[in-house]
Amino acid sequence: MSIWKPAVSVFRGGTEEIRRLYGSRVRARISLRGIAVYNPAATRPQTCDIEQGAVGFVTHPHPHRFDFLLAFPSDQGRLPRDIQALSRLASFKVVEVNEPTFKQQFEIEVQ
């Protein structure tokens, strides 16, 4: 059985620890407004909202900054079982979240 723990109690910090969390499920503890969407091909910055309770996955660390990249399906009613299944969906978004926001505003599913 899995349980949700506050990210601050699971994540200690550092890029290597982000890599170890790759594929872990995360859940937003509160609604977050105006979160930056990660899209290196975009010509203009984009943002989106993450609703309280939205479930996504930890992806690889941001390539140029110490930020988390978290992937969320566009349809929360169709939550894939893992990050590989999510990558096969046509509709998902990847957002950039800094370490303090991740630690305070997200939970991680632990086995």
PDB file of N, CA and C in Angstrom:
ATOM      1  N   MET A   1       0.842  -1.185   0.000  1.00  0.00           N
ATOM      2  CA  MET A   1       0.000   0.000   0.000  1.00  0.00           C
ATOM      3  C   MET A   1       0.884   1.244   0.000  1.00  0.00           C
ATOM      4  N   SER A   2       0.482   2.232  -0.749  1.00  0.00           N
ATOM      5  CA  SER A   2       1.261   3.466  -0.798  1.00  0.00           C
ATOM      6  C   SER A   2       0.564   4.560   0.010  1.00  0.00           C
ATOM      7  N   ILE A   3       1.363   5.524   0.445  1.00  0.00           N
ATOM      8  CA  ILE A   3       0.838   6.665   1.182  1.00  0.00           C
ATOM      9  C   ILE A   3       1.456   7.935   0.601  1.00  0.00           C
ATOM     10  N   TRP A   4       0.828   9.066   0.874  1.00  0.00           N
ATOM     11  CA  TRP A   4       1.343  10.364   0.437  1.00  0.00           C
ATOM     12  C   TRP A   4       2.049  11.030   1.602  1.00  0.00           C
ATOM     13  N   LYS A   5       3.256  11.504   1.344  1.00  0.00           N
ATOM     14  CA  LYS A   5       4.015  12.240   2.365  1.00  0.00           C
ATOM     15  C   LYS A   5       4.362  13.615   1.822  1.00  0.00           C
ATOM     16  N   PRO A   6       4.423  14.627   2.703  1.00  0.00           N
ATOM     17  CA  PRO A   6       4.867  15.944   2.245  1.00  0.00           C
ATOM     18  C   PRO A   6       6.248  15.833   1.602  1.00  0.00           C
ATOM     19  N   ALA A   7       6.431  16.511   0.488  1.00  0.00           N
ATOM     20  CA  ALA A   7       7.710  16.440  -0.229  1.00  0.00           C
ATOM     21  C   ALA A   7       8.872  16.834   0.661  1.00  0.00           C
ATOM     22  N   VAL A   8       8.673  17.780   1.559  1.00  0.00           N
ATOM     23  CA  VAL A   8       9.747  18.228   2.437  1.00  0.00           C
ATOM     24  C   VAL A   8      10.267  17.091   3.312  1.00  0.00           C
ATOM     25  N   SER A   9       9.436  16.096   3.599  1.00  0.00           N
ATOM     26  CA  SER A   9       9.879  14.990   4.438  1.00  0.00           C
ATOM     27  C   SER A   9      10.571  13.883   3.632  1.00  0.00           C
ATOM     28  N   VAL A  10      10.483  13.943   2.314  1.00  0.00           N
ATOM     29  CA  VAL A  10      11.070  12.914   1.454  1.00  0.00           C
ATOM     30  C   VAL A  10      12.279  13.441   0.686  1.00  0.00           C
ATOM     31  N   PHE A  11      12.194  14.674   0.216  1.00  0.00           N
ATOM     32  CA  PHE A  11      13.235  15.270  -0.620  1.00  0.00           C
ATOM     33  C   PHE A  11      14.180  16.111   0.226  1.00  0.00           C
ATOM     34  N   ARG A  12      15.455  15.785   0.206  1.00  0.00           N
ATOM     35  CA  ARG A  12      16.460  16.517   0.984  1.00  0.00           C
ATOM     36  C   ARG A  12      17.115  17.635   0.179  1.00  0.00           C
ATOM     37  N   GLY A  13      17.184  17.471  -1.136  1.00  0.00           N
ATOM     38  CA  GLY A  13      17.767  18.513  -1.980  1.00  0.00           C
ATOM     39  C   GLY A  13      18.822  17.959  -2.916  1.00  0.00           C
ATOM     40  N   GLY A  14      19.052  18.678  -3.995  1.00  0.00           N
ATOM     41  CA  GLY A  14      20.104  18.325  -4.928  1.00  0.00           C
ATOM     42  C   GLY A  14      19.603  17.656  -6.188  1.00  0.00           C
ATOM     43  N   THR A  15      20.368  17.856  -7.254  1.00  0.00           N
ATOM     44  CA  THR A  15      20.022  17.322  -8.566  1.00  0.00           C
ATOM     45  C   THR A  15      19.991  15.800  -8.573  1.00  0.00           C
ATOM     46  N   GLU A  16      20.935  15.174  -7.882  1.00  0.00           N
ATOM     47  CA  GLU A  16      20.954  13.706  -7.859  1.00  0.00           C
ATOM     48  C   GLU A  16      19.704  13.143  -7.196  1.00  0.00           C
ATOM     49  N   GLU A  17      19.216  13.818  -6.171  1.00  0.00           N
ATOM     50  CA  GLU A  17      18.001  13.346  -5.521  1.00  0.00           C
ATOM     51  C   GLU A  17      16.792  13.539  -6.431  1.00  0.00           C
ATOM     52  N   ILE A  18      16.772  14.598  -7.220  1.00  0.00           N
ATOM     53  CA  ILE A  18      15.692  14.758  -8.205  1.00  0.00           C
ATOM     54  C   ILE A  18      15.728  13.566  -9.165  1.00  0.00           C
ATOM     55  N   ARG A  19      16.916  13.219  -9.618  1.00  0.00           N
ATOM     56  CA  ARG A  19      17.047  12.078 -10.539  1.00  0.00           C
ATOM     57  C   ARG A  19      16.535  10.784  -9.898  1.00  0.00           C
ATOM     58  N   ARG A  20      16.802  10.601  -8.611  1.00  0.00           N
ATOM     59  CA  ARG A  20      16.319   9.403  -7.922  1.00  0.00           C
ATOM     60  C   ARG A  20      14.789   9.386  -7.820  1.00  0.00           C
ATOM     61  N   LEU A  21      14.184  10.559  -7.814  1.00  0.00           N
ATOM     62  CA  LEU A  21      12.724  10.651  -7.727  1.00  0.00           C
ATOM     63  C   LEU A  21      12.039  10.498  -9.089  1.00  0.00           C
ATOM     64  N   TYR A  22      12.822  10.379 -10.152  1.00  0.00           N
ATOM     65  CA  TYR A  22      12.251  10.276 -11.508  1.00  0.00           C
ATOM     66  C   TYR A  22      11.141   9.214 -11.532  1.00  0.00           C
ATOM     67  N   GLY A  23       9.996   9.608 -12.053  1.00  0.00           N
ATOM     68  CA  GLY A  23       8.865   8.693 -12.177  1.00  0.00           C
ATOM     69  C   GLY A  23       7.968   8.621 -10.960  1.00  0.00           C
ATOM     70  N   SER A  24       8.370   9.250  -9.861  1.00  0.00           N
ATOM     71  CA  SER A  24       7.531   9.240  -8.657  1.00  0.00           C
ATOM     72  C   SER A  24       6.275  10.064  -8.880  1.00  0.00           C
ATOM     73  N   ARG A  25       5.178   9.599  -8.311  1.00  0.00           N
ATOM     74  CA  ARG A  25       3.935  10.370  -8.376  1.00  0.00           C
ATOM     75  C   ARG A  25       4.008  11.517  -7.376  1.00  0.00           C
ATOM     76  N   VAL A  26       3.489  12.660  -7.795  1.00  0.00           N
ATOM     77  CA  VAL A  26       3.392  13.821  -6.921  1.00  0.00           C
ATOM     78  C   VAL A  26       1.962  14.340  -6.961  1.00  0.00           C
ATOM     79  N   ARG A  27       1.567  15.013  -5.900  1.00  0.00           N
ATOM     80  CA  ARG A  27       0.219  15.577  -5.816  1.00  0.00           C
ATOM     81  C   ARG A  27       0.309  16.983  -5.253  1.00  0.00           C
ATOM     82  N   ALA A  28      -0.413  17.899  -5.871  1.00  0.00           N
ATOM     83  CA  ALA A  28      -0.435  19.291  -5.409  1.00  0.00           C
ATOM     84  C   ALA A  28      -1.265  19.396  -4.136  1.00  0.00           C
ATOM     85  N   ARG A  29      -0.684  20.015  -3.110  1.00  0.00           N
ATOM     86  CA  ARG A  29      -1.385  20.190  -1.833  1.00  0.00           C
ATOM     87  C   ARG A  29      -2.359  21.360  -1.878  1.00  0.00           C
ATOM     88  N   ILE A  30      -2.082  22.324  -2.745  1.00  0.00           N
ATOM     89  CA  ILE A  30      -2.938  23.495  -2.915  1.00  0.00           C
ATOM     90  C   ILE A  30      -3.032  23.789  -4.409  1.00  0.00           C
ATOM     91  N   SER A  31      -3.949  24.661  -4.796  1.00  0.00           N
ATOM     92  CA  SER A  31      -4.005  25.114  -6.188  1.00  0.00           C
ATOM     93  C   SER A  31      -2.865  26.097  -6.419  1.00  0.00           C
ATOM     94  N   LEU A  32      -2.185  25.938  -7.535  1.00  0.00           N
ATOM     95  CA  LEU A  32      -1.062  26.811  -7.886  1.00  0.00           C
ATOM     96  C   LEU A  32      -1.411  27.533  -9.182  1.00  0.00           C
ATOM     97  N   ARG A  33      -1.293  28.844  -9.182  1.00  0.00           N
ATOM     98  CA  ARG A  33      -1.673  29.663 -10.335  1.00  0.00           C
ATOM     99  C   ARG A  33      -0.431  30.215 -11.023  1.00  0.00           C
ATOM    100  N   GLY A  34      -0.465  30.244 -12.344  1.00  0.00           N
ATOM    101  CA  GLY A  34       0.603  30.868 -13.125  1.00  0.00           C
ATOM    102  C   GLY A  34       1.925  30.126 -13.073  1.00  0.00           C
ATOM    103  N   ILE A  35       1.883  28.808 -13.056  1.00  0.00           N
ATOM    104  CA  ILE A  35       3.108  27.996 -13.047  1.00  0.00           C
ATOM    105  C   ILE A  35       3.693  27.981 -14.462  1.00  0.00           C
ATOM    106  N   ALA A  36       5.001  28.165 -14.569  1.00  0.00           N
ATOM    107  CA  ALA A  36       5.665  28.186 -15.878  1.00  0.00           C
ATOM    108  C   ALA A  36       5.613  26.814 -16.534  1.00  0.00           C
ATOM    109  N   VAL A  37       5.197  26.793 -17.794  1.00  0.00           N
ATOM    110  CA  VAL A  37       5.197  25.564 -18.591  1.00  0.00           C
ATOM    111  C   VAL A  37       6.572  25.427 -19.226  1.00  0.00           C
ATOM    112  N   TYR A  38       7.144  24.240 -19.157  1.00  0.00           N
ATOM    113  CA  TYR A  38       8.454  23.986 -19.763  1.00  0.00           C
ATOM    114  C   TYR A  38       8.234  23.565 -21.214  1.00  0.00           C
ATOM    115  N   ASN A  39       8.669  24.413 -22.112  1.00  0.00           N
ATOM    116  CA  ASN A  39       8.591  24.120 -23.537  1.00  0.00           C
ATOM    117  C   ASN A  39       9.744  24.858 -24.207  1.00  0.00           C
ATOM    118  N   PRO A  40      10.880  24.181 -24.404  1.00  0.00           N
ATOM    119  CA  PRO A  40      12.051  24.859 -24.960  1.00  0.00           C
ATOM    120  C   PRO A  40      11.823  25.426 -26.357  1.00  0.00           C
ATOM    121  N   ALA A  41      10.819  24.927 -27.078  1.00  0.00           N
ATOM    122  CA  ALA A  41      10.553  25.413 -28.438  1.00  0.00           C
ATOM    123  C   ALA A  41       9.606  26.607 -28.469  1.00  0.00           C
ATOM    124  N   ALA A  42       9.012  26.960 -27.350  1.00  0.00           N
ATOM    125  CA  ALA A  42       8.052  28.066 -27.316  1.00  0.00           C
ATOM    126  C   ALA A  42       8.760  29.390 -27.545  1.00  0.00           C
ATOM    127  N   THR A  43       8.128  30.251 -28.305  1.00  0.00           N
ATOM    128  CA  THR A  43       8.699  31.575 -28.556  1.00  0.00           C
ATOM    129  C   THR A  43       8.313  32.572 -27.475  1.00  0.00           C
ATOM    130  N   ARG A  44       7.216  32.298 -26.774  1.00  0.00           N
ATOM    131  CA  ARG A  44       6.794  33.151 -25.659  1.00  0.00           C
ATOM    132  C   ARG A  44       6.565  32.289 -24.431  1.00  0.00           C
ATOM    133  N   PRO A  45       6.877  32.809 -23.258  1.00  0.00           N
ATOM    134  CA  PRO A  45       6.630  32.030 -22.032  1.00  0.00           C
ATOM    135  C   PRO A  45       5.145  31.711 -21.880  1.00  0.00           C
ATOM    136  N   GLN A  46       4.866  30.513 -21.409  1.00  0.00           N
ATOM    137  CA  GLN A  46       3.488  30.096 -21.158  1.00  0.00           C
ATOM    138  C   GLN A  46       3.358  29.719 -19.689  1.00  0.00           C
ATOM    139  N   THR A  47       2.155  29.856 -19.174  1.00  0.00           N
ATOM    140  CA  THR A  47       1.872  29.436 -17.810  1.00  0.00           C
ATOM    141  C   THR A  47       0.602  28.595 -17.800  1.00  0.00           C
ATOM    142  N   CYS A  48       0.397  27.892 -16.708  1.00  0.00           N
ATOM    143  CA  CYS A  48      -0.832  27.132 -16.522  1.00  0.00           C
ATOM    144  C   CYS A  48      -1.133  27.088 -15.030  1.00  0.00           C
ATOM    145  N   ASP A  49      -2.276  26.576 -14.698  1.00  0.00           N
ATOM    146  CA  ASP A  49      -2.674  26.407 -13.311  1.00  0.00           C
ATOM    147  C   ASP A  49      -2.668  24.921 -12.975  1.00  0.00           C
ATOM    148  N   ILE A  50      -2.266  24.602 -11.771  1.00  0.00           N
ATOM    149  CA  ILE A  50      -2.308  23.239 -11.258  1.00  0.00           C
ATOM    150  C   ILE A  50      -3.318  23.248 -10.117  1.00  0.00           C
ATOM    151  N   GLU A  51      -4.350  22.443 -10.239  1.00  0.00           N
ATOM    152  CA  GLU A  51      -5.399  22.425  -9.228  1.00  0.00           C
ATOM    153  C   GLU A  51      -4.989  21.590  -8.012  1.00  0.00           C
ATOM    154  N   GLN A  52      -5.519  21.945  -6.864  1.00  0.00           N
ATOM    155  CA  GLN A  52      -5.285  21.166  -5.653  1.00  0.00           C
ATOM    156  C   GLN A  52      -5.698  19.722  -5.911  1.00  0.00           C
ATOM    157  N   GLY A  53      -4.832  18.790  -5.519  1.00  0.00           N
ATOM    158  CA  GLY A  53      -5.113  17.376  -5.707  1.00  0.00           C
ATOM    159  C   GLY A  53      -4.672  16.812  -7.041  1.00  0.00           C
ATOM    160  N   ALA A  54      -4.207  17.674  -7.960  1.00  0.00           N
ATOM    161  CA  ALA A  54      -3.739  17.186  -9.261  1.00  0.00           C
ATOM    162  C   ALA A  54      -2.540  16.266  -9.059  1.00  0.00           C
ATOM    163  N   VAL A  55      -2.527  15.148  -9.774  1.00  0.00           N
ATOM    164  CA  VAL A  55      -1.466  14.158  -9.651  1.00  0.00           C
ATOM    165  C   VAL A  55      -0.653  14.144 -10.937  1.00  0.00           C
ATOM    166  N   GLY A  56       0.663  14.135 -10.775  1.00  0.00           N
ATOM    167  CA  GLY A  56       1.582  14.073 -11.905  1.00  0.00           C
ATOM    168  C   GLY A  56       2.798  13.249 -11.534  1.00  0.00           C
ATOM    169  N   PHE A  57       3.878  13.441 -12.296  1.00  0.00           N
ATOM    170  CA  PHE A  57       5.086  12.652 -12.108  1.00  0.00           C
ATOM    171  C   PHE A  57       6.320  13.540 -12.147  1.00  0.00           C
ATOM    172  N   VAL A  58       7.334  13.169 -11.371  1.00  0.00           N
ATOM    173  CA  VAL A  58       8.627  13.844 -11.437  1.00  0.00           C
ATOM    174  C   VAL A  58       9.319  13.387 -12.716  1.00  0.00           C
ATOM    175  N   THR A  59       9.799  14.340 -13.517  1.00  0.00           N
ATOM    176  CA  THR A  59      10.576  14.008 -14.708  1.00  0.00           C
ATOM    177  C   THR A  59      12.043  14.290 -14.386  1.00  0.00           C
ATOM    178  N   HIS A  60      12.841  14.499 -15.405  1.00  0.00           N
ATOM    179  CA  HIS A  60      14.256  14.809 -15.196  1.00  0.00           C
ATOM    180  C   HIS A  60      14.405  16.225 -14.658  1.00  0.00           C
ATOM    181  N   PRO A  61      15.523  16.540 -14.009  1.00  0.00           N
ATOM    182  CA  PRO A  61      15.738  17.920 -13.545  1.00  0.00           C
ATOM    183  C   PRO A  61      15.791  18.878 -14.738  1.00  0.00           C
ATOM    184  N   HIS A  62      15.493  20.137 -14.489  1.00  0.00           N
ATOM    185  CA  HIS A  62      15.601  21.164 -15.524  1.00  0.00           C
ATOM    186  C   HIS A  62      17.038  21.170 -16.038  1.00  0.00           C
ATOM    187  N   PRO A  63      17.247  21.239 -17.353  1.00  0.00           N
ATOM    188  CA  PRO A  63      18.617  21.152 -17.871  1.00  0.00           C
ATOM    189  C   PRO A  63      19.503  22.355 -17.577  1.00  0.00           C
ATOM    190  N   HIS A  64      18.921  23.512 -17.248  1.00  0.00           N
ATOM    191  CA  HIS A  64      19.740  24.713 -17.085  1.00  0.00           C
ATOM    192  C   HIS A  64      19.649  25.372 -15.712  1.00  0.00           C
ATOM    193  N   ARG A  65      18.721  24.930 -14.894  1.00  0.00           N
ATOM    194  CA  ARG A  65      18.543  25.513 -13.564  1.00  0.00           C
ATOM    195  C   ARG A  65      18.231  24.396 -12.588  1.00  0.00           C
ATOM    196  N   PHE A  66      18.336  24.707 -11.315  1.00  0.00           N
ATOM    197  CA  PHE A  66      17.952  23.720 -10.317  1.00  0.00           C
ATOM    198  C   PHE A  66      16.460  23.864 -10.055  1.00  0.00           C
ATOM    199  N   ASP A  67      15.674  23.325 -10.948  1.00  0.00           N
ATOM    200  CA  ASP A  67      14.227  23.306 -10.818  1.00  0.00           C
ATOM    201  C   ASP A  67      13.731  21.898 -11.116  1.00  0.00           C
ATOM    202  N   PHE A  68      12.582  21.597 -10.582  1.00  0.00           N
ATOM    203  CA  PHE A  68      11.910  20.341 -10.905  1.00  0.00           C
ATOM    204  C   PHE A  68      11.130  20.527 -12.188  1.00  0.00           C
ATOM    205  N   LEU A  69      11.051  19.486 -12.984  1.00  0.00           N
ATOM    206  CA  LEU A  69      10.120  19.420 -14.096  1.00  0.00           C
ATOM    207  C   LEU A  69       9.114  18.340 -13.712  1.00  0.00           C
ATOM    208  N   LEU A  70       7.860  18.727 -13.622  1.00  0.00           N
ATOM    209  CA  LEU A  70       6.785  17.823 -13.234  1.00  0.00           C
ATOM    210  C   LEU A  70       5.813  17.709 -14.396  1.00  0.00           C
ATOM    211  N   ALA A  71       5.412  16.492 -14.733  1.00  0.00           N
ATOM    212  CA  ALA A  71       4.500  16.248 -15.851  1.00  0.00           C
ATOM    213  C   ALA A  71       3.116  15.891 -15.316  1.00  0.00           C
ATOM    214  N   PHE A  72       2.095  16.569 -15.850  1.00  0.00           N
ATOM    215  CA  PHE A  72       0.712  16.349 -15.455  1.00  0.00           C
ATOM    216  C   PHE A  72      -0.125  16.058 -16.688  1.00  0.00           C
ATOM    217  N   PRO A  73      -0.970  15.013 -16.636  1.00  0.00           N
ATOM    218  CA  PRO A  73      -1.888  14.786 -17.758  1.00  0.00           C
ATOM    219  C   PRO A  73      -2.888  15.938 -17.827  1.00  0.00           C
ATOM    220  N   SER A  74      -3.272  16.311 -19.033  1.00  0.00           N
ATOM    221  CA  SER A  74      -4.250  17.394 -19.185  1.00  0.00           C
ATOM    222  C   SER A  74      -5.612  16.981 -18.645  1.00  0.00           C
ATOM    223  N   ASP A  75      -5.933  15.705 -18.732  1.00  0.00           N
ATOM    224  CA  ASP A  75      -7.193  15.183 -18.212  1.00  0.00           C
ATOM    225  C   ASP A  75      -6.896  14.390 -16.945  1.00  0.00           C
ATOM    226  N   GLN A  76      -7.157  14.970 -15.780  1.00  0.00           N
ATOM    227  CA  GLN A  76      -6.874  14.293 -14.510  1.00  0.00           C
ATOM    228  C   GLN A  76      -7.753  13.056 -14.315  1.00  0.00           C
ATOM    229  N   GLY A  77      -8.814  12.930 -15.109  1.00  0.00           N
ATOM    230  CA  GLY A  77      -9.655  11.740 -15.036  1.00  0.00           C
ATOM    231  C   GLY A  77      -9.011  10.529 -15.701  1.00  0.00           C
ATOM    232  N   ARG A  78      -7.943  10.756 -16.458  1.00  0.00           N
ATOM    233  CA  ARG A  78      -7.243   9.671 -17.159  1.00  0.00           C
ATOM    234  C   ARG A  78      -5.798   9.589 -16.665  1.00  0.00           C
ATOM    235  N   LEU A  79      -5.622   9.406 -15.390  1.00  0.00           N
ATOM    236  CA  LEU A  79      -4.280   9.361 -14.817  1.00  0.00           C
ATOM    237  C   LEU A  79      -3.591   8.053 -15.190  1.00  0.00           C
ATOM    238  N   PRO A  80      -2.492   8.136 -15.924  1.00  0.00           N
ATOM    239  CA  PRO A  80      -1.765   6.916 -16.287  1.00  0.00           C
ATOM    240  C   PRO A  80      -1.113   6.281 -15.066  1.00  0.00           C
ATOM    241  N   ARG A  81      -0.786   5.001 -15.177  1.00  0.00           N
ATOM    242  CA  ARG A  81      -0.210   4.268 -14.045  1.00  0.00           C
ATOM    243  C   ARG A  81       1.230   4.643 -13.772  1.00  0.00           C
ATOM    244  N   ASP A  82       1.963   5.119 -14.798  1.00  0.00           N
ATOM    245  CA  ASP A  82       3.361   5.487 -14.604  1.00  0.00           C
ATOM    246  C   ASP A  82       3.784   6.538 -15.630  1.00  0.00           C
ATOM    247  N   ILE A  83       5.007   7.023 -15.499  1.00  0.00           N
ATOM    248  CA  ILE A  83       5.483   8.105 -16.356  1.00  0.00           C
ATOM    249  C   ILE A  83       5.637   7.660 -17.805  1.00  0.00           C
ATOM    250  N   GLN A  84       5.948   6.380 -18.042  1.00  0.00           N
ATOM    251  CA  GLN A  84       6.059   5.889 -19.414  1.00  0.00           C
ATOM    252  C   GLN A  84       4.699   5.930 -20.110  1.00  0.00           C
ATOM    253  N   ALA A  85       3.649   5.537 -19.393  1.00  0.00           N
ATOM    254  CA  ALA A  85       2.294   5.609 -19.954  1.00  0.00           C
ATOM    255  C   ALA A  85       1.907   7.063 -20.202  1.00  0.00           C
ATOM    256  N   LEU A  86       2.296   7.955 -19.317  1.00  0.00           N
ATOM    257  CA  LEU A  86       2.006   9.379 -19.513  1.00  0.00           C
ATOM    258  C   LEU A  86       2.678   9.890 -20.784  1.00  0.00           C
ATOM    259  N   SER A  87       3.906   9.469 -21.039  1.00  0.00           N
ATOM    260  CA  SER A  87       4.627   9.962 -22.212  1.00  0.00           C
ATOM    261  C   SER A  87       3.971   9.515 -23.515  1.00  0.00           C
ATOM    262  N   ARG A  88       3.140   8.490 -23.464  1.00  0.00           N
ATOM    263  CA  ARG A  88       2.434   8.035 -24.667  1.00  0.00           C
ATOM    264  C   ARG A  88       1.128   8.785 -24.896  1.00  0.00           C
ATOM    265  N   LEU A  89       0.679   9.531 -23.898  1.00  0.00           N
ATOM    266  CA  LEU A  89      -0.531  10.337 -24.066  1.00  0.00           C
ATOM    267  C   LEU A  89      -0.229  11.531 -24.967  1.00  0.00           C
ATOM    268  N   ALA A  90      -1.204  11.949 -25.709  1.00  0.00           N
ATOM    269  CA  ALA A  90      -1.018  13.108 -26.580  1.00  0.00           C
ATOM    270  C   ALA A  90      -1.150  14.417 -25.814  1.00  0.00           C
ATOM    271  N   SER A  91      -1.769  14.368 -24.660  1.00  0.00           N
ATOM    272  CA  SER A  91      -2.086  15.613 -23.976  1.00  0.00           C
ATOM    273  C   SER A  91      -1.580  15.605 -22.529  1.00  0.00           C
ATOM    274  N   PHE A  92      -0.419  16.220 -22.340  1.00  0.00           N
ATOM    275  CA  PHE A  92       0.103  16.426 -20.997  1.00  0.00           C
ATOM    276  C   PHE A  92       0.935  17.694 -21.014  1.00  0.00           C
ATOM    277  N   LYS A  93       1.193  18.223 -19.832  1.00  0.00           N
ATOM    278  CA  LYS A  93       2.011  19.432 -19.733  1.00  0.00           C
ATOM    279  C   LYS A  93       3.135  19.186 -18.740  1.00  0.00           C
ATOM    280  N   VAL A  94       4.260  19.822 -19.000  1.00  0.00           N
ATOM    281  CA  VAL A  94       5.408  19.755 -18.107  1.00  0.00           C
ATOM    282  C   VAL A  94       5.595  21.155 -17.542  1.00  0.00           C
ATOM    283  N   VAL A  95       5.669  21.240 -16.229  1.00  0.00           N
ATOM    284  CA  VAL A  95       5.796  22.540 -15.571  1.00  0.00           C
ATOM    285  C   VAL A  95       7.106  22.613 -14.805  1.00  0.00           C
ATOM    286  N   GLU A  96       7.579  23.851 -14.606  1.00  0.00           N
ATOM    287  CA  GLU A  96       8.804  24.120 -13.856  1.00  0.00           C
ATOM    288  C   GLU A  96       8.420  24.546 -12.443  1.00  0.00           C
ATOM    289  N   VAL A  97       9.020  23.880 -11.459  1.00  0.00           N
ATOM    290  CA  VAL A  97       8.738  24.201 -10.066  1.00  0.00           C
ATOM    291  C   VAL A  97      10.069  24.306  -9.336  1.00  0.00           C
ATOM    292  N   ASN A  98      10.264  25.399  -8.595  1.00  0.00           N
ATOM    293  CA  ASN A  98      11.523  25.528  -7.853  1.00  0.00           C
ATOM    294  C   ASN A  98      11.478  24.667  -6.586  1.00  0.00           C
ATOM    295  N   GLU A  99      12.647  24.468  -5.981  1.00  0.00           N
ATOM    296  CA  GLU A  99      12.759  23.574  -4.824  1.00  0.00           C
ATOM    297  C   GLU A  99      11.869  23.990  -3.655  1.00  0.00           C
ATOM    298  N   PRO A 100      11.867  25.275  -3.237  1.00  0.00           N
ATOM    299  CA  PRO A 100      11.009  25.633  -2.093  1.00  0.00           C
ATOM    300  C   PRO A 100       9.522  25.359  -2.361  1.00  0.00           C
ATOM    301  N   THR A 101       9.063  25.669  -3.562  1.00  0.00           N
ATOM    302  CA  THR A 101       7.658  25.398  -3.887  1.00  0.00           C
ATOM    303  C   THR A 101       7.390  23.909  -3.876  1.00  0.00           C
ATOM    304  N   PHE A 102       8.292  23.132  -4.453  1.00  0.00           N
ATOM    305  CA  PHE A 102       8.111  21.681  -4.457  1.00  0.00           C
ATOM    306  C   PHE A 102       8.017  21.141  -3.036  1.00  0.00           C
ATOM    307  N   LYS A 103       8.942  21.542  -2.189  1.00  0.00           N
ATOM    308  CA  LYS A 103       8.964  21.029  -0.819  1.00  0.00           C
ATOM    309  C   LYS A 103       7.705  21.392  -0.036  1.00  0.00           C
ATOM    310  N   GLN A 104       7.197  22.596  -0.229  1.00  0.00           N
ATOM    311  CA  GLN A 104       6.079  23.066   0.589  1.00  0.00           C
ATOM    312  C   GLN A 104       4.701  22.761   0.005  1.00  0.00           C
ATOM    313  N   GLN A 105       4.597  22.648  -1.316  1.00  0.00           N
ATOM    314  CA  GLN A 105       3.275  22.578  -1.936  1.00  0.00           C
ATOM    315  C   GLN A 105       2.943  21.243  -2.596  1.00  0.00           C
ATOM    316  N   PHE A 106       3.837  20.262  -2.482  1.00  0.00           N
ATOM    317  CA  PHE A 106       3.584  18.965  -3.098  1.00  0.00           C
ATOM    318  C   PHE A 106       3.770  17.831  -2.110  1.00  0.00           C
ATOM    319  N   GLU A 107       3.126  16.720  -2.416  1.00  0.00           N
ATOM    320  CA  GLU A 107       3.294  15.473  -1.677  1.00  0.00           C
ATOM    321  C   GLU A 107       3.861  14.454  -2.658  1.00  0.00           C
ATOM    322  N   ILE A 108       4.570  13.454  -2.121  1.00  0.00           N
ATOM    323  CA  ILE A 108       5.124  12.375  -2.935  1.00  0.00           C
ATOM    324  C   ILE A 108       4.521  11.067  -2.465  1.00  0.00           C
ATOM    325  N   GLU A 109       4.140  10.239  -3.417  1.00  0.00           N
ATOM    326  CA  GLU A 109       3.618   8.919  -3.090  1.00  0.00           C
ATOM    327  C   GLU A 109       4.791   7.996  -2.781  1.00  0.00           C
ATOM    328  N   VAL A 110       4.741   7.356  -1.629  1.00  0.00           N
ATOM    329  CA  VAL A 110       5.796   6.422  -1.235  1.00  0.00           C
ATOM    330  C   VAL A 110       5.182   5.051  -1.015  1.00  0.00           C
ATOM    331  N   GLN A 111       5.963   4.041  -1.305  1.00  0.00           N
ATOM    332  CA  GLN A 111       5.477   2.641  -1.184  1.00  0.00           C
ATOM    333  C   GLN A 111       5.705   2.135   0.213  1.00  0.00           C
TER     334      GLN A 111
END
